[in-house]
N, C-alpha and C. Protein backbone atom coordinates (compact mmCIF):
# COMPACT_ATOMS: atom_id res chain seq x y z
N MET A 1 0.97 -1.35 0.09
CA MET A 1 0.00 0.22 0.06
C MET A 1 1.25 1.33 -0.24
N LEU A 2 0.77 2.20 -0.72
CA LEU A 2 1.44 3.25 -0.76
C LEU A 2 1.21 4.19 0.70
N ILE A 3 2.51 5.14 0.94
CA ILE A 3 2.17 5.71 1.96
C ILE A 3 1.39 7.09 1.85
N GLU A 4 0.96 7.72 0.84
CA GLU A 4 -0.19 8.62 0.24
C GLU A 4 -1.32 8.10 1.18
N ARG A 5 -1.89 6.80 0.96
CA ARG A 5 -2.91 6.42 1.67
C ARG A 5 -3.21 6.68 3.03
N TYR A 6 -1.90 6.28 3.65
CA TYR A 6 -1.92 6.43 5.24
C TYR A 6 -1.83 7.61 5.46
N ILE A 7 -0.95 8.39 4.73
CA ILE A 7 -1.08 10.04 5.04
C ILE A 7 -2.31 10.63 4.91
N TYR A 8 -3.27 10.28 3.86
CA TYR A 8 -4.37 10.96 3.59
C TYR A 8 -5.49 10.37 4.93
N LEU A 9 -5.53 8.98 5.00
CA LEU A 9 -6.15 8.38 6.32
C LEU A 9 -5.88 9.29 7.43
N ALA A 10 -4.53 9.45 7.70
CA ALA A 10 -4.15 10.32 9.12
C ALA A 10 -4.46 11.66 9.09
N ILE A 11 -4.67 12.65 8.11
CA ILE A 11 -5.01 13.60 8.11
C ILE A 11 -6.61 13.48 8.15
N ALA A 12 -7.41 12.61 7.85
CA ALA A 12 -8.88 12.55 7.93
C ALA A 12 -9.29 12.57 9.32
N LEU A 13 -8.58 11.85 9.51
CA LEU A 13 -8.94 10.90 11.28
C LEU A 13 -8.64 12.38 12.25
N PHE A 14 -7.37 13.02 11.65
CA PHE A 14 -6.74 14.06 12.49
C PHE A 14 -7.83 15.15 12.51
N CYS A 15 -8.13 15.68 11.24
CA CYS A 15 -9.24 16.53 11.15
C CYS A 15 -10.55 16.53 11.64
N ILE A 16 -11.00 15.22 11.89
CA ILE A 16 -12.28 14.72 12.31
C ILE A 16 -12.11 15.06 13.79
N GLY A 17 -10.65 14.56 14.43
CA GLY A 17 -10.74 14.72 15.80
C GLY A 17 -10.68 16.31 16.13
N ILE A 18 -9.89 17.28 15.51
CA ILE A 18 -9.89 18.98 15.52
C ILE A 18 -11.58 19.23 15.72
N VAL A 19 -12.03 18.92 14.77
CA VAL A 19 -13.56 19.53 14.58
C VAL A 19 -14.28 18.85 15.61
N GLY A 20 -14.19 17.73 16.10
CA GLY A 20 -14.78 17.15 17.63
C GLY A 20 -14.38 17.93 18.39
N VAL A 21 -13.14 18.24 18.78
CA VAL A 21 -12.67 19.00 19.96
C VAL A 21 -13.35 20.29 19.78
N LEU A 22 -13.31 20.82 18.96
CA LEU A 22 -13.77 22.39 19.10
C LEU A 22 -15.34 22.72 18.91
N ALA A 23 -15.94 21.55 18.31
CA ALA A 23 -17.49 22.24 18.20
C ALA A 23 -18.30 21.13 19.35
N ARG A 24 -17.93 20.20 19.99
CA ARG A 24 -18.67 19.66 20.95
C ARG A 24 -18.30 20.13 22.44
N ARG A 25 -19.43 20.29 23.04
CA ARG A 25 -19.58 20.65 24.45
C ARG A 25 -19.50 19.48 25.63
N ASN A 26 -19.49 18.23 24.96
CA ASN A 26 -19.70 16.92 25.99
C ASN A 26 -18.13 16.49 26.49
N ALA A 27 -17.95 16.31 27.50
CA ALA A 27 -16.49 15.83 27.94
C ALA A 27 -15.93 14.96 27.23
N ILE A 28 -16.87 14.07 27.08
CA ILE A 28 -16.36 12.65 26.97
C ILE A 28 -16.47 12.43 25.19
N ILE A 29 -17.17 13.26 24.47
CA ILE A 29 -17.11 12.97 23.22
C ILE A 29 -15.37 14.02 23.01
N ILE A 30 -15.46 14.98 23.83
CA ILE A 30 -13.89 15.74 23.19
C ILE A 30 -13.07 14.91 23.75
N PHE A 31 -12.99 13.93 24.97
CA PHE A 31 -12.16 13.39 25.12
C PHE A 31 -11.86 12.10 24.36
N MET A 32 -13.01 11.54 23.34
CA MET A 32 -12.91 10.43 22.54
C MET A 32 -12.01 11.34 21.18
N CYS A 33 -12.18 12.35 20.93
CA CYS A 33 -11.64 12.97 19.70
C CYS A 33 -10.39 13.43 19.91
N ILE A 34 -9.97 13.62 21.15
CA ILE A 34 -8.06 13.57 21.47
C ILE A 34 -7.58 12.48 21.23
N GLU A 35 -8.20 10.98 21.65
CA GLU A 35 -7.56 10.06 21.44
C GLU A 35 -7.84 9.56 19.80
N LEU A 36 -8.98 10.10 19.07
CA LEU A 36 -8.59 9.87 17.67
C LEU A 36 -7.46 10.55 17.15
N MET A 37 -7.09 11.77 17.78
CA MET A 37 -5.77 12.52 17.10
C MET A 37 -4.50 11.68 17.42
N LEU A 38 -4.84 11.16 18.71
CA LEU A 38 -3.52 10.41 19.13
C LEU A 38 -3.37 9.46 18.05
N ASN A 39 -4.52 8.49 18.02
CA ASN A 39 -4.41 7.32 17.04
C ASN A 39 -4.12 7.98 15.73
N ALA A 40 -4.20 8.94 15.11
CA ALA A 40 -3.79 9.68 13.58
C ALA A 40 -2.32 9.52 13.82
N VAL A 41 -1.81 10.15 14.68
CA VAL A 41 -0.22 10.19 14.86
C VAL A 41 0.50 9.23 15.04
N ASN A 42 -0.08 8.25 15.62
CA ASN A 42 -0.03 6.55 15.49
C ASN A 42 0.59 6.10 14.29
N LEU A 43 -0.51 6.34 13.60
CA LEU A 43 -0.90 5.57 12.18
C LEU A 43 0.15 6.08 11.34
N LEU A 44 0.73 7.62 11.40
CA LEU A 44 1.72 7.76 10.59
C LEU A 44 2.98 7.69 11.07
N LEU A 45 3.27 7.19 12.65
CA LEU A 45 4.64 6.75 13.08
C LEU A 45 4.95 5.31 12.07
N VAL A 46 4.06 4.56 12.32
CA VAL A 46 3.81 3.28 11.83
C VAL A 46 4.33 3.16 10.49
N ALA A 47 3.52 4.03 9.76
CA ALA A 47 3.42 4.01 8.34
C ALA A 47 4.93 4.57 8.05
N PHE A 48 5.42 5.86 8.58
CA PHE A 48 6.61 6.26 7.77
C PHE A 48 7.71 5.01 8.33
N SER A 49 7.64 4.53 9.62
CA SER A 49 8.93 3.64 9.83
C SER A 49 9.06 2.43 9.16
N LYS A 50 7.67 1.83 8.79
CA LYS A 50 7.82 1.04 7.76
C LYS A 50 8.54 1.31 6.51
N MET A 51 8.05 2.81 5.81
CA MET A 51 8.88 3.23 4.60
C MET A 51 10.13 3.63 4.82
N HIS A 52 10.67 3.80 5.88
CA HIS A 52 12.26 4.26 6.04
C HIS A 52 12.74 2.99 6.30
N TYR A 53 12.06 1.98 6.74
CA TYR A 53 12.89 0.36 6.35
C TYR A 53 12.84 -0.21 5.04
N ALA A 54 11.83 0.11 4.34
CA ALA A 54 11.29 -0.67 2.91
C ALA A 54 12.01 -0.07 2.20
N ALA A 55 12.82 1.38 2.33
CA ALA A 55 13.92 1.76 1.11
C ALA A 55 15.10 1.24 1.37
N GLY A 56 15.41 0.18 2.27
CA GLY A 56 16.64 -0.47 1.84
C GLY A 56 17.47 -0.07 3.08
N VAL A 57 17.25 0.70 3.94
CA VAL A 57 18.34 1.13 5.32
C VAL A 57 18.39 -0.25 6.06
N ALA A 58 17.95 -1.13 6.27
CA ALA A 58 18.15 -2.24 7.04
C ALA A 58 17.10 -3.51 6.35
N LYS A 59 17.88 -4.84 6.27
CA LYS A 59 17.04 -5.93 6.11
C LYS A 59 17.08 -7.12 6.70
N ASN A 60 16.70 -6.83 8.30
CA ASN A 60 16.91 -7.72 9.30
C ASN A 60 15.72 -7.93 9.74
N ALA A 61 15.27 -9.12 10.32
CA ALA A 61 14.07 -9.55 10.75
C ALA A 61 13.16 -8.30 11.69
N THR A 62 13.93 -7.45 12.44
CA THR A 62 13.20 -6.59 13.16
C THR A 62 13.26 -5.16 12.45
N ALA A 63 13.53 -5.00 11.38
CA ALA A 63 13.29 -3.96 10.68
C ALA A 63 11.89 -3.09 10.31
N GLY A 64 11.71 -2.02 10.96
CA GLY A 64 10.19 -1.32 10.95
C GLY A 64 9.83 -1.23 12.13
N ILE A 65 10.33 -1.89 13.30
CA ILE A 65 9.77 -1.83 14.34
C ILE A 65 10.01 -1.05 15.58
N ASP A 66 10.94 0.12 15.01
CA ASP A 66 11.18 1.20 15.78
C ASP A 66 9.86 2.14 16.32
N GLY A 67 8.93 2.56 14.97
CA GLY A 67 7.68 3.10 14.95
C GLY A 67 7.17 2.40 15.69
N GLN A 68 7.13 1.03 15.66
CA GLN A 68 5.98 0.15 16.36
C GLN A 68 6.11 0.25 17.84
N LEU A 69 7.35 0.43 18.37
CA LEU A 69 7.70 0.21 19.95
C LEU A 69 7.25 1.88 20.43
N PHE A 70 7.62 2.79 19.29
CA PHE A 70 7.40 4.20 20.04
C PHE A 70 5.27 4.50 19.98
N VAL A 71 5.05 3.29 19.22
CA VAL A 71 3.69 3.70 19.07
C VAL A 71 3.18 3.12 20.68
N PHE A 72 3.70 2.06 20.63
CA PHE A 72 3.34 1.11 22.20
C PHE A 72 3.46 1.88 23.34
N PHE A 73 4.34 2.76 23.22
CA PHE A 73 4.72 3.69 24.61
C PHE A 73 3.80 4.60 24.54
N ILE A 74 3.20 5.52 23.50
CA ILE A 74 2.44 6.39 23.40
C ILE A 74 1.04 5.74 23.92
N MET A 75 0.80 4.61 23.64
CA MET A 75 -0.58 4.08 23.89
C MET A 75 -0.64 3.66 25.34
N VAL A 76 0.52 3.33 25.90
CA VAL A 76 0.33 3.09 27.25
C VAL A 76 0.17 4.21 28.32
N VAL A 77 0.81 5.63 27.82
CA VAL A 77 0.54 7.05 28.37
C VAL A 77 -0.67 7.66 27.85
N ALA A 78 -1.36 7.17 26.74
CA ALA A 78 -2.45 7.49 26.43
C ALA A 78 -3.83 6.71 27.39
N ALA A 79 -3.19 5.53 27.50
CA ALA A 79 -4.28 4.76 28.68
C ALA A 79 -3.71 5.31 30.07
N ALA A 80 -2.93 5.78 30.58
CA ALA A 80 -2.86 6.47 31.96
C ALA A 80 -3.91 7.86 31.57
N GLU A 81 -4.07 8.45 30.35
CA GLU A 81 -4.56 9.54 30.34
C GLU A 81 -6.04 9.69 30.58
N VAL A 82 -6.13 8.33 29.80
CA VAL A 82 -7.69 7.90 29.99
C VAL A 82 -8.38 7.67 31.36
N SER A 83 -7.46 6.95 32.23
CA SER A 83 -7.91 6.93 33.41
C SER A 83 -8.00 7.73 34.06
N VAL A 84 -7.17 8.78 33.90
CA VAL A 84 -7.09 10.42 34.83
C VAL A 84 -8.24 10.98 34.59
N GLY A 85 -8.30 10.84 32.80
CA GLY A 85 -9.46 12.10 32.58
C GLY A 85 -10.88 11.35 32.79
N LEU A 86 -10.99 10.17 32.71
CA LEU A 86 -12.37 9.65 33.08
C LEU A 86 -12.62 9.56 34.58
N ALA A 87 -11.57 9.65 35.27
CA ALA A 87 -11.77 9.92 36.67
C ALA A 87 -12.30 11.55 37.04
N ILE A 88 -11.42 12.46 36.23
CA ILE A 88 -11.88 13.74 36.11
C ILE A 88 -13.75 13.95 35.88
N ILE A 89 -13.70 13.27 34.77
CA ILE A 89 -15.18 13.66 34.39
C ILE A 89 -16.05 12.83 35.16
N VAL A 90 -16.02 11.99 35.68
CA VAL A 90 -16.93 11.00 36.85
C VAL A 90 -16.96 11.98 38.13
N MET A 91 -15.86 12.74 38.40
CA MET A 91 -16.02 13.73 39.56
C MET A 91 -17.25 14.52 39.59
N MET A 92 -16.53 15.22 37.80
CA MET A 92 -17.43 16.34 37.56
C MET A 92 -18.94 16.12 37.51
N TYR A 93 -19.11 14.93 37.37
CA TYR A 93 -20.60 14.90 36.85
C TYR A 93 -21.18 14.44 38.05
N ARG A 94 -20.39 13.75 39.11
CA ARG A 94 -21.29 13.62 40.76
C ARG A 94 -21.19 15.16 40.91
N ASN A 95 -20.32 16.30 41.05
CA ASN A 95 -20.33 17.27 41.47
C ASN A 95 -21.54 18.28 40.92
N THR A 96 -21.52 18.29 39.47
CA THR A 96 -22.62 19.23 38.81
C THR A 96 -23.59 18.50 38.08
N HIS A 97 -23.68 17.00 37.65
CA HIS A 97 -24.78 16.59 37.20
C HIS A 97 -24.76 16.71 35.81
N SER A 98 -23.65 17.11 35.23
CA SER A 98 -23.31 17.31 34.11
C SER A 98 -22.34 16.90 33.47
N VAL A 99 -21.74 16.88 32.10
CA VAL A 99 -20.42 16.58 31.73
C VAL A 99 -20.29 17.60 30.55
N ASP A 100 -21.24 18.80 30.59
CA ASP A 100 -21.08 19.66 29.47
C ASP A 100 -19.61 20.98 30.17
N VAL A 101 -18.66 21.24 29.32
CA VAL A 101 -17.52 21.64 29.30
C VAL A 101 -17.58 23.28 29.63
N ASN A 102 -18.56 23.79 29.36
CA ASN A 102 -18.84 25.10 29.43
C ASN A 102 -19.40 25.67 30.87
N PHE A 103 -20.10 24.30 31.52
CA PHE A 103 -20.35 24.65 32.67
C PHE A 103 -19.19 24.61 33.87
N LEU A 104 -18.14 24.31 33.33
CA LEU A 104 -16.94 24.32 34.25
C LEU A 104 -16.38 25.78 34.42
N ASN A 105 -16.79 26.46 33.16
CA ASN A 105 -16.35 28.34 33.75
C ASN A 105 -17.48 28.53 34.73
N ARG A 106 -18.39 28.28 34.81
CA ARG A 106 -19.24 28.68 36.04
C ARG A 106 -18.76 28.22 37.65
N LEU A 107 -18.08 27.15 37.74
CA LEU A 107 -17.46 26.58 38.73
C LEU A 107 -16.29 27.55 39.36
N LYS A 108 -15.58 28.30 38.51
CA LYS A 108 -14.60 29.42 38.88
C LYS A 108 -15.14 30.20 39.97
N HIS A 109 -16.34 30.91 39.68
CA HIS A 109 -16.79 31.88 41.08
C HIS A 109 -17.81 31.21 41.77
């Protein structure tokens, strides 16, 4: 598969994530859109890693695994982010009975 198709798919996923973050008010939907943007970046990391090693840099059995390892660590950090973020959203819902992010501005005063 050509690298351009991976790039187009990652751009589409990232743009959907940006639109979701900017247009939505629900904290859970915003959180899911941020994760979608992270996955778009992960897709590009793996695609460019495979393209780099397919160009003839290395011909061993572990060629192209560098990008996959980096993506693995990004996913571990994202899983920790999800657990903390969902805990914050649950606490926000317990206190305000809403997950609307515009309601958070009213909590400052």
